[in-house]
Amino acid sequence: MKKFFSKPSKVALFSLIATIVVTILLLCVLSIAGVESKVVHLLGKVTIGISLPFLILNPLTGLIYSFFINGKIKTVYILLHLACVCTISVFAFISFMFRYFVPFAP
């Protein structure tokens, strides 16, 4: 574990890949929300409950590790992690607004 965390490029790359995979998994789970099954709804709640804190902390960790990378790839990693953080933040803000403040929301 020490070897993995001592190389910031590996941590940043793994963080970026994990963020993308979990985001795709979350979107797939949200797309099957129309199914009328208690098991599917329970699976959706558990997936959302686990993936949202992960999607908040993981890109921020990758962004912090991106600042310690040497070379030209540093700016690419920083921009990709910032894009992930901004996209997830906007998605969470929009879903929160539609859920609690907009009267015509589903």
Protein backbone atom coordinates (compact mmCIF):
# COMPACT_ATOMS: atom_id res chain seq x y z
CA MET A 1 0.00 0.00 0.00
CA LYS A 2 2.87 2.36 0.74
CA LYS A 3 4.23 1.88 -2.77
CA PHE A 4 0.84 2.64 -4.30
CA PHE A 5 0.24 5.86 -2.37
CA SER A 6 3.83 7.02 -2.88
CA LYS A 7 3.24 7.29 -6.65
CA PRO A 8 0.77 10.12 -7.20
CA SER A 9 0.29 9.38 -10.91
CA LYS A 10 -1.04 5.90 -10.13
CA VAL A 11 -3.35 7.22 -7.41
CA ALA A 12 -4.68 9.96 -9.69
CA LEU A 13 -5.26 7.54 -12.58
CA PHE A 14 -6.97 4.96 -10.35
CA SER A 15 -9.13 7.68 -8.82
CA LEU A 16 -10.19 8.93 -12.25
CA ILE A 17 -11.06 5.44 -13.49
CA ALA A 18 -12.94 4.56 -10.29
CA THR A 19 -14.93 7.81 -10.48
CA ILE A 20 -15.99 7.12 -14.06
CA VAL A 21 -16.93 3.50 -13.33
CA VAL A 22 -18.99 4.36 -10.24
CA THR A 23 -20.74 7.20 -12.08
CA ILE A 24 -21.71 4.85 -14.92
CA LEU A 25 -22.90 2.26 -12.38
CA LEU A 26 -24.99 4.90 -10.62
CA LEU A 27 -26.57 6.06 -13.89
CA CYS A 28 -27.40 2.44 -14.78
CA VAL A 29 -29.05 1.90 -11.41
CA LEU A 30 -31.02 5.12 -11.79
CA SER A 31 -32.20 4.05 -15.24
CA ILE A 32 -33.91 0.92 -13.87
CA ALA A 33 -35.91 2.94 -11.35
CA GLY A 34 -39.14 2.31 -13.27
CA VAL A 35 -39.21 -1.35 -12.26
CA GLU A 36 -41.84 -2.13 -9.63
CA SER A 37 -39.86 -4.41 -7.35
CA LYS A 38 -38.87 -3.94 -3.74
CA VAL A 39 -35.56 -5.70 -4.33
CA VAL A 40 -34.64 -3.31 -7.15
CA HIS A 41 -35.57 -0.28 -5.05
CA LEU A 42 -33.56 -1.59 -2.10
CA LEU A 43 -30.60 -2.25 -4.40
CA GLY A 44 -30.94 1.29 -5.76
CA LYS A 45 -31.02 2.84 -2.30
CA VAL A 46 -27.96 0.91 -1.18
CA THR A 47 -26.06 1.75 -4.36
CA ILE A 48 -26.89 5.44 -4.08
CA GLY A 49 -26.04 5.47 -0.38
CA ILE A 50 -22.61 3.98 -1.00
CA SER A 51 -21.71 5.66 -4.27
CA LEU A 52 -22.54 9.29 -3.43
CA PRO A 53 -20.02 9.68 -0.59
CA PHE A 54 -17.51 7.80 -2.74
CA LEU A 55 -18.14 10.21 -5.64
CA ILE A 56 -17.58 13.17 -3.35
CA LEU A 57 -14.34 11.98 -1.74
CA ASN A 58 -12.67 10.07 -4.58
CA PRO A 59 -12.30 12.89 -7.16
CA LEU A 60 -11.10 15.26 -4.44
CA THR A 61 -8.44 12.75 -3.39
CA GLY A 62 -7.37 12.33 -7.00
CA LEU A 63 -7.26 16.09 -7.45
CA ILE A 64 -5.02 16.52 -4.42
CA TYR A 65 -2.68 13.77 -5.63
CA SER A 66 -2.64 15.35 -9.12
CA PHE A 67 -0.79 18.36 -7.75
CA PHE A 68 2.15 16.14 -6.80
CA ILE A 69 2.65 14.69 -10.29
CA ASN A 70 5.69 15.88 -12.22
CA GLY A 71 5.61 16.52 -15.94
CA LYS A 72 3.19 17.66 -18.60
CA ILE A 73 0.51 15.15 -17.63
CA LYS A 74 -0.09 17.08 -14.40
CA THR A 75 -2.37 19.65 -16.04
CA VAL A 76 -4.37 16.95 -17.83
CA TYR A 77 -5.03 15.11 -14.57
CA ILE A 78 -5.94 18.32 -12.77
CA LEU A 79 -8.39 19.32 -15.51
CA LEU A 80 -9.98 15.85 -15.66
CA HIS A 81 -10.45 15.70 -11.90
CA LEU A 82 -11.89 19.22 -11.84
CA ALA A 83 -14.31 18.21 -14.60
CA CYS A 84 -15.38 15.18 -12.56
CA VAL A 85 -15.88 17.24 -9.41
CA CYS A 86 -17.85 19.92 -11.27
CA THR A 87 -20.02 17.42 -13.15
CA ILE A 88 -20.90 15.48 -10.02
CA SER A 89 -21.57 18.70 -8.10
CA VAL A 90 -23.90 20.04 -10.80
CA PHE A 91 -25.70 16.69 -11.07
CA ALA A 92 -26.19 16.55 -7.29
CA PHE A 93 -27.36 20.19 -7.16
CA ILE A 94 -29.89 19.69 -9.96
CA SER A 95 -31.27 16.49 -8.47
CA PHE A 96 -31.54 18.15 -5.04
CA MET A 97 -33.31 21.19 -6.51
CA PHE A 98 -35.78 19.09 -8.48
CA ARG A 99 -36.45 16.86 -5.51
CA TYR A 100 -37.09 19.49 -2.85
CA PHE A 101 -37.79 22.90 -4.40
CA VAL A 102 -39.43 22.49 -7.81
CA PRO A 103 -43.16 21.70 -7.55
CA PHE A 104 -43.46 19.92 -10.93
CA ALA A 105 -40.61 17.48 -10.31
CA PRO A 106 -41.28 13.75 -10.58
